[in-house]
């Protein structure tokens, strides 16, 4: 009987040590997996949630998170007004739950949809925009073209369509200085 009890005690100790090792490894593995997540992964888990973004000099952007790209966020505010926010401008986010999306696979199509491509879409649509720079400056007009690291903005009042008589000038803006881009409703075409 004593041998059976000794073996049972040894088996219980072994199982307890094995469980402790597994628990420690699981915690370490979870920390490692979390350490590999990007802010985009974290935010993709919050699509559909109302968030408040603090964007440094550009101020606060509040609304429902609609989509997340590689270096941009699309937020829909009051009145269905959408804001394209450069992730680099975001300083903090409140309103996130505990959900986080799985990291995207390298080379995915979505991974190539960067801020430049989103800006090209706005230029193609000839949408009047308000651009808020990372220093808080605000510019209005229509995006004429998008280069590798800049955009050309034909500056005109937001309530007027882009017509040569309304354009006050063309300004090249470094894409890295763009914090938020909002579409605005222009007057009659």
N, C-alpha and C. Protein backbone atom coordinates (compact mmCIF):
# COMPACT_ATOMS: atom_id res chain seq x y z
N UNK A 1 0.80 -1.19 0.00
CA UNK A 1 0.00 0.00 0.00
C UNK A 1 0.85 1.25 0.00
N UNK A 2 1.93 1.24 0.73
CA UNK A 2 2.76 2.43 0.80
C UNK A 2 3.31 2.78 -0.57
N UNK A 3 3.67 1.74 -1.37
CA UNK A 3 4.20 2.01 -2.72
C UNK A 3 3.14 2.68 -3.59
N UNK A 4 1.94 2.23 -3.49
CA UNK A 4 0.86 2.80 -4.29
C UNK A 4 0.63 4.27 -3.93
N UNK A 5 0.67 4.57 -2.65
CA UNK A 5 0.50 5.94 -2.18
C UNK A 5 1.67 6.81 -2.63
N UNK A 6 2.89 6.30 -2.56
CA UNK A 6 4.07 7.03 -3.00
C UNK A 6 3.95 7.35 -4.50
N UNK A 7 3.56 6.33 -5.29
CA UNK A 7 3.43 6.55 -6.73
C UNK A 7 2.30 7.54 -7.04
N UNK A 8 1.23 7.49 -6.29
CA UNK A 8 0.12 8.42 -6.49
C UNK A 8 0.56 9.84 -6.16
N UNK A 9 1.33 10.00 -5.06
CA UNK A 9 1.85 11.32 -4.69
C UNK A 9 2.80 11.85 -5.77
N UNK A 10 3.70 10.98 -6.25
CA UNK A 10 4.63 11.40 -7.30
C UNK A 10 3.88 11.78 -8.58
N UNK A 11 2.85 11.01 -8.91
CA UNK A 11 2.05 11.30 -10.11
C UNK A 11 1.34 12.65 -9.94
N UNK A 12 0.79 12.93 -8.77
CA UNK A 12 0.10 14.19 -8.51
C UNK A 12 1.08 15.36 -8.60
N UNK A 13 2.30 15.21 -8.05
CA UNK A 13 3.32 16.26 -8.13
C UNK A 13 3.70 16.52 -9.59
N UNK A 14 3.91 15.43 -10.33
CA UNK A 14 4.28 15.55 -11.74
C UNK A 14 3.19 16.29 -12.51
N UNK A 15 1.94 15.93 -12.28
CA UNK A 15 0.83 16.57 -12.99
C UNK A 15 0.71 18.04 -12.61
N UNK A 16 0.94 18.37 -11.33
CA UNK A 16 0.88 19.77 -10.88
C UNK A 16 2.00 20.58 -11.53
N UNK A 17 3.22 20.03 -11.58
CA UNK A 17 4.34 20.73 -12.21
C UNK A 17 4.08 20.92 -13.71
N UNK A 18 3.54 19.88 -14.34
CA UNK A 18 3.24 19.96 -15.78
C UNK A 18 2.18 21.03 -16.04
N UNK A 19 1.17 21.13 -15.20
CA UNK A 19 0.12 22.15 -15.35
C UNK A 19 0.70 23.54 -15.16
N UNK A 20 1.60 23.69 -14.18
CA UNK A 20 2.23 25.00 -13.94
C UNK A 20 3.07 25.43 -15.13
N UNK A 21 3.81 24.51 -15.72
CA UNK A 21 4.63 24.82 -16.91
C UNK A 21 3.73 25.22 -18.07
N UNK A 22 2.65 24.48 -18.28
CA UNK A 22 1.72 24.80 -19.36
C UNK A 22 1.09 26.18 -19.16
N UNK A 23 0.72 26.50 -17.92
CA UNK A 23 0.13 27.79 -17.60
C UNK A 23 1.13 28.91 -17.87
N UNK A 24 2.37 28.72 -17.46
CA UNK A 24 3.41 29.73 -17.70
C UNK A 24 3.66 29.91 -19.19
N UNK A 25 3.70 28.81 -19.93
CA UNK A 25 3.92 28.88 -21.38
C UNK A 25 2.75 29.57 -22.07
N UNK A 26 1.54 29.30 -21.62
CA UNK A 26 0.36 29.92 -22.22
C UNK A 26 0.40 31.42 -22.02
N UNK A 27 0.75 31.87 -20.84
CA UNK A 27 0.85 33.30 -20.57
C UNK A 27 1.94 33.95 -21.40
N UNK A 28 3.07 33.27 -21.51
CA UNK A 28 4.18 33.78 -22.31
C UNK A 28 3.79 33.82 -23.78
N UNK A 29 3.11 32.79 -24.25
CA UNK A 29 2.66 32.73 -25.64
C UNK A 29 1.66 33.84 -25.92
N UNK A 30 0.73 34.07 -25.00
CA UNK A 30 -0.27 35.14 -25.17
C UNK A 30 0.41 36.51 -25.22
N UNK A 31 1.38 36.75 -24.33
CA UNK A 31 2.10 38.02 -24.35
C UNK A 31 2.85 38.20 -25.66
N UNK A 32 3.44 37.13 -26.15
CA UNK A 32 4.18 37.18 -27.41
C UNK A 32 3.24 37.48 -28.57
N UNK A 33 2.07 36.84 -28.59
CA UNK A 33 1.10 37.08 -29.66
C UNK A 33 0.58 38.51 -29.61
N UNK A 34 0.30 39.02 -28.43
CA UNK A 34 -0.17 40.40 -28.28
C UNK A 34 0.93 41.36 -28.70
N UNK A 35 2.16 41.04 -28.38
CA UNK A 35 3.28 41.90 -28.75
C UNK A 35 3.48 42.01 -30.25
N UNK A 36 2.94 41.09 -31.01
CA UNK A 36 3.08 41.13 -32.47
C UNK A 36 1.94 41.89 -33.15
N UNK A 37 0.90 42.26 -32.40
CA UNK A 37 -0.24 42.96 -32.98
C UNK A 37 0.08 44.43 -33.23
N UNK A 38 -0.47 44.96 -34.32
CA UNK A 38 -0.34 46.39 -34.62
C UNK A 38 -1.58 47.13 -34.13
N UNK A 39 -1.50 48.44 -34.14
CA UNK A 39 -2.68 49.24 -33.78
C UNK A 39 -3.81 48.95 -34.76
N UNK A 40 -3.47 48.74 -36.03
CA UNK A 40 -4.51 48.41 -37.02
C UNK A 40 -5.24 47.13 -36.66
N UNK A 41 -4.49 46.10 -36.21
CA UNK A 41 -5.12 44.85 -35.79
C UNK A 41 -6.06 45.11 -34.61
N UNK A 42 -5.58 45.90 -33.68
CA UNK A 42 -6.38 46.23 -32.49
C UNK A 42 -7.66 46.95 -32.89
N UNK A 43 -7.51 47.91 -33.82
CA UNK A 43 -8.66 48.71 -34.23
C UNK A 43 -9.64 47.92 -35.11
N UNK A 44 -9.14 47.00 -35.93
CA UNK A 44 -10.05 46.19 -36.75
C UNK A 44 -11.04 45.42 -35.88
N UNK A 45 -10.63 45.09 -34.68
CA UNK A 45 -11.55 44.43 -33.75
C UNK A 45 -12.64 45.37 -33.26
N UNK A 46 -12.47 46.67 -33.49
CA UNK A 46 -13.45 47.66 -33.04
C UNK A 46 -14.33 48.21 -34.15
N UNK A 47 -14.27 47.62 -35.35
CA UNK A 47 -15.12 48.10 -36.44
C UNK A 47 -16.58 48.00 -36.01
N UNK A 48 -17.30 49.10 -36.20
CA UNK A 48 -18.71 49.16 -35.80
C UNK A 48 -18.92 49.81 -34.45
N UNK A 49 -17.84 50.05 -33.71
CA UNK A 49 -17.97 50.67 -32.39
C UNK A 49 -17.83 52.19 -32.48
N UNK A 50 -18.51 52.92 -31.61
CA UNK A 50 -18.28 54.37 -31.54
C UNK A 50 -16.97 54.63 -30.80
N UNK A 51 -16.08 55.38 -31.45
CA UNK A 51 -14.76 55.65 -30.88
C UNK A 51 -14.50 57.14 -30.83
N UNK A 52 -13.54 57.52 -30.01
CA UNK A 52 -13.05 58.89 -29.98
C UNK A 52 -11.54 58.80 -30.19
N UNK A 53 -11.08 59.44 -31.28
CA UNK A 53 -9.66 59.44 -31.62
C UNK A 53 -9.07 60.78 -31.26
N UNK A 54 -7.96 60.78 -30.57
CA UNK A 54 -7.22 62.00 -30.30
C UNK A 54 -6.11 62.05 -31.34
N UNK A 55 -6.10 63.11 -32.13
CA UNK A 55 -5.17 63.20 -33.27
C UNK A 55 -4.21 64.38 -33.14
N UNK A 56 -3.58 64.52 -32.00
CA UNK A 56 -2.57 65.56 -31.81
C UNK A 56 -3.10 66.93 -32.18
N UNK A 57 -2.34 67.65 -33.01
CA UNK A 57 -2.71 69.01 -33.42
C UNK A 57 -4.00 69.08 -34.20
N UNK A 58 -4.43 67.96 -34.77
CA UNK A 58 -5.67 67.93 -35.55
C UNK A 58 -6.91 67.83 -34.67
N UNK A 59 -6.74 67.56 -33.38
CA UNK A 59 -7.87 67.51 -32.47
C UNK A 59 -8.52 66.15 -32.35
N UNK A 60 -9.81 66.17 -32.04
CA UNK A 60 -10.56 64.95 -31.76
C UNK A 60 -11.45 64.59 -32.94
N UNK A 61 -11.49 63.32 -33.26
CA UNK A 61 -12.40 62.79 -34.27
C UNK A 61 -13.25 61.74 -33.57
N UNK A 62 -14.56 61.95 -33.58
CA UNK A 62 -15.48 61.01 -32.91
C UNK A 62 -16.45 60.45 -33.93
N UNK A 63 -16.79 59.18 -33.76
CA UNK A 63 -17.77 58.54 -34.63
C UNK A 63 -17.61 57.04 -34.62
N UNK A 64 -18.34 56.41 -35.50
CA UNK A 64 -18.30 54.96 -35.60
C UNK A 64 -17.19 54.54 -36.55
N UNK A 65 -16.37 53.60 -36.09
CA UNK A 65 -15.29 53.10 -36.93
C UNK A 65 -15.90 52.23 -38.03
N UNK A 66 -15.68 52.63 -39.29
CA UNK A 66 -16.27 51.95 -40.43
C UNK A 66 -15.29 50.96 -41.06
N UNK A 67 -14.02 51.36 -41.18
CA UNK A 67 -13.05 50.50 -41.85
C UNK A 67 -11.65 50.87 -41.36
N UNK A 68 -10.72 49.94 -41.55
CA UNK A 68 -9.33 50.14 -41.15
C UNK A 68 -8.44 49.67 -42.29
N UNK A 69 -7.54 50.54 -42.73
CA UNK A 69 -6.57 50.17 -43.76
C UNK A 69 -5.19 50.02 -43.14
N UNK A 70 -4.19 49.91 -43.98
CA UNK A 70 -2.84 49.73 -43.45
C UNK A 70 -2.35 50.93 -42.68
N UNK A 71 -2.71 52.13 -43.12
CA UNK A 71 -2.26 53.34 -42.45
C UNK A 71 -3.34 54.40 -42.36
N UNK A 72 -4.59 53.97 -42.36
CA UNK A 72 -5.72 54.89 -42.26
C UNK A 72 -6.91 54.23 -41.57
N UNK A 73 -7.80 55.09 -41.09
CA UNK A 73 -9.06 54.66 -40.46
C UNK A 73 -10.18 55.46 -41.10
N UNK A 74 -11.33 54.85 -41.28
CA UNK A 74 -12.49 55.56 -41.79
C UNK A 74 -13.52 55.62 -40.66
N UNK A 75 -13.87 56.84 -40.28
CA UNK A 75 -14.79 57.07 -39.17
C UNK A 75 -15.99 57.84 -39.68
N UNK A 76 -17.18 57.36 -39.33
CA UNK A 76 -18.40 58.07 -39.72
C UNK A 76 -18.96 58.78 -38.51
N UNK A 77 -19.04 60.10 -38.62
CA UNK A 77 -19.54 60.92 -37.52
C UNK A 77 -21.01 61.25 -37.68
N UNK A 78 -21.43 62.28 -36.96
CA UNK A 78 -22.82 62.73 -37.04
C UNK A 78 -23.16 63.14 -38.46
N UNK A 79 -24.39 62.90 -38.85
CA UNK A 79 -24.84 63.30 -40.18
C UNK A 79 -24.19 62.51 -41.30
N UNK A 80 -23.68 61.34 -41.01
CA UNK A 80 -23.04 60.46 -42.00
C UNK A 80 -21.80 61.09 -42.64
N UNK A 81 -21.23 62.10 -42.03
CA UNK A 81 -20.00 62.71 -42.54
C UNK A 81 -18.84 61.79 -42.19
N UNK A 82 -18.06 61.41 -43.20
CA UNK A 82 -16.96 60.49 -42.99
C UNK A 82 -15.63 61.22 -42.93
N UNK A 83 -14.75 60.70 -42.09
CA UNK A 83 -13.40 61.24 -41.95
C UNK A 83 -12.40 60.12 -42.20
N UNK A 84 -11.45 60.40 -43.09
CA UNK A 84 -10.35 59.50 -43.34
C UNK A 84 -9.21 59.97 -42.46
N UNK A 85 -8.78 59.14 -41.52
CA UNK A 85 -7.79 59.55 -40.52
C UNK A 85 -6.49 58.77 -40.75
N UNK A 86 -5.39 59.50 -40.85
CA UNK A 86 -4.09 58.85 -40.98
C UNK A 86 -3.73 58.22 -39.64
N UNK A 87 -3.42 56.95 -39.63
CA UNK A 87 -3.09 56.26 -38.39
C UNK A 87 -1.91 56.92 -37.69
N UNK A 88 -0.96 57.45 -38.46
CA UNK A 88 0.21 58.10 -37.86
C UNK A 88 -0.17 59.32 -37.03
N UNK A 89 -1.33 59.92 -37.31
CA UNK A 89 -1.77 61.10 -36.57
C UNK A 89 -2.46 60.74 -35.25
N UNK A 90 -2.88 59.49 -35.11
CA UNK A 90 -3.64 59.07 -33.92
C UNK A 90 -2.71 58.96 -32.72
N UNK A 91 -3.08 59.63 -31.65
CA UNK A 91 -2.31 59.58 -30.40
C UNK A 91 -2.95 58.66 -29.37
N UNK A 92 -4.28 58.58 -29.38
CA UNK A 92 -4.96 57.65 -28.48
C UNK A 92 -6.36 57.38 -29.01
N UNK A 93 -6.92 56.25 -28.56
CA UNK A 93 -8.26 55.83 -28.98
C UNK A 93 -9.03 55.42 -27.74
N UNK A 94 -10.23 55.95 -27.59
CA UNK A 94 -11.06 55.48 -26.48
C UNK A 94 -12.35 54.91 -27.06
N UNK A 95 -12.94 53.98 -26.33
CA UNK A 95 -14.17 53.34 -26.75
C UNK A 95 -13.97 51.94 -27.27
N UNK A 96 -12.73 51.48 -27.33
CA UNK A 96 -12.47 50.12 -27.81
C UNK A 96 -12.90 49.10 -26.78
N UNK A 97 -13.44 48.03 -27.24
CA UNK A 97 -13.75 46.91 -26.36
C UNK A 97 -12.51 46.05 -26.20
N UNK A 98 -12.70 44.83 -25.86
CA UNK A 98 -11.57 43.91 -25.67
C UNK A 98 -11.21 43.17 -26.95
N UNK A 99 -12.06 43.29 -27.99
CA UNK A 99 -11.82 42.53 -29.22
C UNK A 99 -10.62 43.07 -29.99
N UNK A 100 -9.89 42.16 -30.59
CA UNK A 100 -8.77 42.48 -31.47
C UNK A 100 -8.87 41.53 -32.65
N UNK A 101 -8.63 42.06 -33.85
CA UNK A 101 -8.67 41.19 -35.04
C UNK A 101 -7.35 40.45 -35.16
N UNK A 102 -7.40 39.32 -35.81
CA UNK A 102 -6.18 38.56 -36.08
C UNK A 102 -5.31 39.35 -37.05
N UNK A 103 -3.99 39.25 -36.93
CA UNK A 103 -3.12 39.96 -37.88
C UNK A 103 -3.42 39.52 -39.31
N UNK A 104 -3.31 40.48 -40.23
CA UNK A 104 -3.56 40.15 -41.63
C UNK A 104 -2.36 39.45 -42.22
N UNK A 105 -2.63 38.58 -43.15
CA UNK A 105 -1.56 37.85 -43.83
C UNK A 105 -0.71 38.81 -44.64
N UNK A 106 0.59 38.58 -44.64
CA UNK A 106 1.51 39.41 -45.43
C UNK A 106 1.14 39.27 -46.90
N UNK A 107 1.16 40.39 -47.60
CA UNK A 107 0.88 40.37 -49.02
C UNK A 107 -0.59 40.36 -49.38
N UNK A 108 -1.47 40.55 -48.39
CA UNK A 108 -2.90 40.54 -48.70
C UNK A 108 -3.24 41.78 -49.52
N UNK A 109 -4.30 41.69 -50.30
CA UNK A 109 -4.74 42.82 -51.12
C UNK A 109 -5.03 44.01 -50.22
N UNK A 110 -5.68 43.75 -49.12
CA UNK A 110 -6.02 44.83 -48.18
C UNK A 110 -4.77 45.56 -47.71
N UNK A 111 -3.67 44.85 -47.60
CA UNK A 111 -2.42 45.45 -47.15
C UNK A 111 -1.87 46.49 -48.12
N UNK A 112 -2.31 46.44 -49.36
CA UNK A 112 -1.85 47.41 -50.35
C UNK A 112 -2.76 48.63 -50.44
N UNK A 113 -3.87 48.62 -49.72
CA UNK A 113 -4.80 49.74 -49.74
C UNK A 113 -4.38 50.78 -48.71
N UNK A 114 -3.37 51.54 -49.06
CA UNK A 114 -2.82 52.51 -48.12
C UNK A 114 -3.47 53.89 -48.29
N UNK A 115 -3.02 54.84 -47.50
CA UNK A 115 -3.58 56.19 -47.50
C UNK A 115 -3.46 56.82 -48.88
N UNK A 116 -2.34 56.61 -49.56
CA UNK A 116 -2.16 57.16 -50.90
C UNK A 116 -3.25 56.69 -51.85
N UNK A 117 -3.57 55.42 -51.80
CA UNK A 117 -4.62 54.89 -52.68
C UNK A 117 -5.99 55.46 -52.32
N UNK A 118 -6.25 55.64 -51.04
CA UNK A 118 -7.52 56.25 -50.63
C UNK A 118 -7.60 57.69 -51.13
N UNK A 119 -6.49 58.42 -51.04
CA UNK A 119 -6.46 59.80 -51.54
C UNK A 119 -6.63 59.83 -53.05
N UNK A 120 -6.07 58.85 -53.74
CA UNK A 120 -6.25 58.78 -55.21
C UNK A 120 -7.73 58.59 -55.55
N UNK A 121 -8.44 57.82 -54.74
CA UNK A 121 -9.88 57.65 -54.96
C UNK A 121 -10.62 58.97 -54.83
N UNK A 122 -10.24 59.77 -53.84
CA UNK A 122 -10.87 61.08 -53.67
C UNK A 122 -10.53 62.01 -54.84
N UNK A 123 -9.29 61.94 -55.32
CA UNK A 123 -8.88 62.76 -56.47
C UNK A 123 -9.66 62.34 -57.71
N UNK A 124 -9.82 61.05 -57.91
CA UNK A 124 -10.56 60.53 -59.06
C UNK A 124 -12.03 60.97 -59.01
N UNK A 125 -12.61 60.99 -57.81
CA UNK A 125 -14.01 61.37 -57.65
C UNK A 125 -14.23 62.88 -57.73
N UNK A 126 -13.13 63.64 -57.70
CA UNK A 126 -13.19 65.10 -57.75
C UNK A 126 -14.02 65.66 -56.58
N UNK A 127 -13.93 65.00 -55.44
CA UNK A 127 -14.67 65.41 -54.25
C UNK A 127 -14.02 66.62 -53.61
N UNK A 128 -14.82 67.55 -53.19
CA UNK A 128 -14.31 68.67 -52.39
C UNK A 128 -13.96 68.10 -51.02
N UNK A 129 -12.80 68.49 -50.49
CA UNK A 129 -12.34 67.96 -49.21
C UNK A 129 -11.87 69.06 -48.28
N UNK A 130 -11.87 68.73 -47.03
CA UNK A 130 -11.24 69.55 -45.99
C UNK A 130 -10.09 68.69 -45.47
N UNK A 131 -8.89 69.22 -45.52
CA UNK A 131 -7.72 68.50 -45.03
C UNK A 131 -7.26 69.17 -43.75
N UNK A 132 -7.15 68.38 -42.69
CA UNK A 132 -6.63 68.88 -41.42
C UNK A 132 -5.21 68.33 -41.29
N UNK A 133 -4.26 69.24 -41.15
CA UNK A 133 -2.86 68.85 -41.04
C UNK A 133 -2.51 68.48 -39.61
N UNK A 134 -1.38 67.81 -39.45
CA UNK A 134 -0.98 67.37 -38.11
C UNK A 134 -0.67 68.53 -37.17
N UNK A 135 -0.49 69.74 -37.71
CA UNK A 135 -0.27 70.91 -36.85
C UNK A 135 -1.57 71.67 -36.57
N UNK A 136 -2.70 71.15 -37.06
CA UNK A 136 -3.99 71.78 -36.83
C UNK A 136 -4.45 72.68 -37.96
N UNK A 137 -3.59 72.96 -38.92
CA UNK A 137 -3.98 73.78 -40.06
C UNK A 137 -5.07 73.09 -40.87
N UNK A 138 -5.97 73.90 -41.45
CA UNK A 138 -7.09 73.36 -42.22
C UNK A 138 -7.07 73.97 -43.62
N UNK A 139 -7.15 73.11 -44.62
CA UNK A 139 -7.17 73.53 -46.02
C UNK A 139 -8.39 72.93 -46.69
N UNK A 140 -8.98 73.66 -47.65
CA UNK A 140 -10.12 73.13 -48.38
C UNK A 140 -9.87 73.24 -49.87
N UNK A 141 -10.47 72.33 -50.61
CA UNK A 141 -10.34 72.35 -52.05
C UNK A 141 -10.61 70.98 -52.62
N UNK A 142 -10.00 70.72 -53.78
CA UNK A 142 -10.16 69.45 -54.48
C UNK A 142 -8.79 68.87 -54.75
N UNK A 143 -8.63 67.59 -54.49
CA UNK A 143 -7.36 66.93 -54.78
C UNK A 143 -7.23 66.78 -56.29
N UNK A 144 -6.15 67.37 -56.83
CA UNK A 144 -5.91 67.28 -58.27
C UNK A 144 -5.13 66.03 -58.63
N UNK A 145 -4.11 65.72 -57.85
CA UNK A 145 -3.30 64.53 -58.12
C UNK A 145 -2.59 64.09 -56.86
N UNK A 146 -2.18 62.82 -56.89
CA UNK A 146 -1.50 62.23 -55.74
C UNK A 146 -0.18 61.66 -56.22
N UNK A 147 0.92 62.16 -55.66
CA UNK A 147 2.24 61.66 -55.99
C UNK A 147 2.67 60.58 -55.00
N UNK A 148 3.94 60.26 -55.03
CA UNK A 148 4.47 59.22 -54.14
C UNK A 148 4.40 59.64 -52.68
N UNK A 149 4.66 60.92 -52.40
CA UNK A 149 4.66 61.37 -51.01
C UNK A 149 3.99 62.73 -50.83
N UNK A 150 3.21 63.15 -51.80
CA UNK A 150 2.52 64.43 -51.71
C UNK A 150 1.19 64.37 -52.46
N UNK A 151 0.34 65.37 -52.19
CA UNK A 151 -0.88 65.57 -52.97
C UNK A 151 -0.90 67.02 -53.42
N UNK A 152 -1.51 67.26 -54.56
CA UNK A 152 -1.76 68.63 -55.02
C UNK A 152 -3.21 68.95 -54.71
N UNK A 153 -3.42 70.04 -53.98
CA UNK A 153 -4.76 70.48 -53.61
C UNK A 153 -5.05 71.79 -54.33
N UNK A 154 -6.08 71.80 -55.17
CA UNK A 154 -6.56 73.04 -55.77
C UNK A 154 -7.41 73.71 -54.70
N UNK A 155 -6.90 74.79 -54.14
CA UNK A 155 -7.60 75.44 -53.02
C UNK A 155 -8.75 76.30 -53.52
N UNK A 156 -9.92 76.06 -52.97
CA UNK A 156 -11.11 76.85 -53.28
C UNK A 156 -12.06 76.73 -52.10
N UNK A 157 -13.02 77.65 -51.98
CA UNK A 157 -13.98 77.56 -50.88
C UNK A 157 -14.72 76.23 -50.93
N UNK A 158 -14.98 75.68 -49.76
CA UNK A 158 -15.62 74.37 -49.67
C UNK A 158 -17.03 74.37 -50.25
N UNK A 159 -17.69 75.52 -50.25
CA UNK A 159 -19.07 75.56 -50.74
C UNK A 159 -19.15 75.79 -52.25
N UNK A 160 -18.01 75.86 -52.94
CA UNK A 160 -17.99 76.03 -54.38
C UNK A 160 -17.36 74.81 -55.05
N UNK A 161 -17.86 74.45 -56.24
CA UNK A 161 -17.21 73.36 -56.97
C UNK A 161 -15.87 73.82 -57.52
N UNK A 162 -15.03 72.87 -57.91
CA UNK A 162 -13.72 73.22 -58.46
C UNK A 162 -13.90 73.75 -59.88
N UNK A 163 -13.84 75.04 -60.00
CA UNK A 163 -13.88 75.73 -61.28
C UNK A 163 -12.69 76.69 -61.29
N UNK A 164 -12.14 76.97 -62.45
CA UNK A 164 -10.93 77.81 -62.53
C UNK A 164 -11.13 79.15 -61.85
N UNK A 165 -12.33 79.72 -61.94
CA UNK A 165 -12.57 81.03 -61.31
C UNK A 165 -12.62 80.94 -59.78
N UNK A 166 -12.89 79.77 -59.24
CA UNK A 166 -12.95 79.62 -57.78
C UNK A 166 -11.61 79.23 -57.16
N UNK A 167 -10.70 78.67 -57.97
CA UNK A 167 -9.41 78.19 -57.45
C UNK A 167 -8.51 79.38 -57.13
N UNK A 168 -8.07 79.43 -55.87
CA UNK A 168 -7.17 80.49 -55.40
C UNK A 168 -5.71 80.14 -55.61
N UNK A 169 -5.42 78.87 -55.79
CA UNK A 169 -4.05 78.40 -55.98
C UNK A 169 -3.99 76.90 -55.81
N UNK A 170 -2.83 76.35 -56.14
CA UNK A 170 -2.60 74.91 -55.97
C UNK A 170 -1.48 74.75 -54.96
N UNK A 171 -1.71 73.88 -53.98
CA UNK A 171 -0.75 73.66 -52.91
C UNK A 171 -0.33 72.20 -52.89
N UNK A 172 0.97 71.96 -52.84
CA UNK A 172 1.47 70.60 -52.65
C UNK A 172 1.55 70.34 -51.15
N UNK A 173 1.00 69.22 -50.72
CA UNK A 173 0.96 68.87 -49.30
C UNK A 173 1.65 67.52 -49.11
N UNK A 174 2.57 67.45 -48.18
CA UNK A 174 3.26 66.20 -47.87
C UNK A 174 2.24 65.25 -47.23
N UNK A 175 2.13 64.05 -47.76
CA UNK A 175 1.14 63.09 -47.24
C UNK A 175 1.37 62.82 -45.75
N UNK A 176 2.63 62.79 -45.33
CA UNK A 176 2.91 62.56 -43.91
C UNK A 176 2.40 63.64 -42.99
N UNK A 177 2.06 64.82 -43.53
CA UNK A 177 1.53 65.91 -42.71
C UNK A 177 0.01 65.88 -42.62
N UNK A 178 -0.62 64.99 -43.38
CA UNK A 178 -2.09 64.92 -43.39
C UNK A 178 -2.55 64.07 -42.20
N UNK A 179 -3.43 64.66 -41.38
CA UNK A 179 -3.98 63.94 -40.23
C UNK A 179 -5.38 63.42 -40.53
N UNK A 180 -6.24 64.28 -41.08
CA UNK A 180 -7.64 63.93 -41.32
C UNK A 180 -8.08 64.53 -42.65
N UNK A 181 -8.83 63.76 -43.42
CA UNK A 181 -9.43 64.26 -44.66
C UNK A 181 -10.93 64.00 -44.57
N UNK A 182 -11.70 65.07 -44.77
CA UNK A 182 -13.17 64.94 -44.74
C UNK A 182 -13.72 65.41 -46.08
N UNK A 183 -14.67 64.69 -46.61
CA UNK A 183 -15.35 65.19 -47.79
C UNK A 183 -16.36 66.23 -47.36
N UNK A 184 -16.53 67.23 -48.22
CA UNK A 184 -17.49 68.30 -47.93
C UNK A 184 -18.44 68.40 -49.10
N UNK A 185 -19.60 68.94 -48.86
CA UNK A 185 -20.59 69.11 -49.91
C UNK A 185 -20.34 70.42 -50.60
N UNK A 186 -20.07 70.35 -51.89
CA UNK A 186 -19.86 71.56 -52.68
C UNK A 186 -21.21 72.08 -53.17
N UNK A 187 -21.20 73.29 -53.66
CA UNK A 187 -22.41 73.90 -54.21
C UNK A 187 -22.79 73.23 -55.51
N UNK A 188 -23.77 73.78 -56.24
CA UNK A 188 -24.25 73.19 -57.48
C UNK A 188 -23.14 73.13 -58.53
N UNK A 189 -23.18 72.07 -59.33
CA UNK A 189 -22.14 71.87 -60.33
C UNK A 189 -22.44 72.66 -61.56
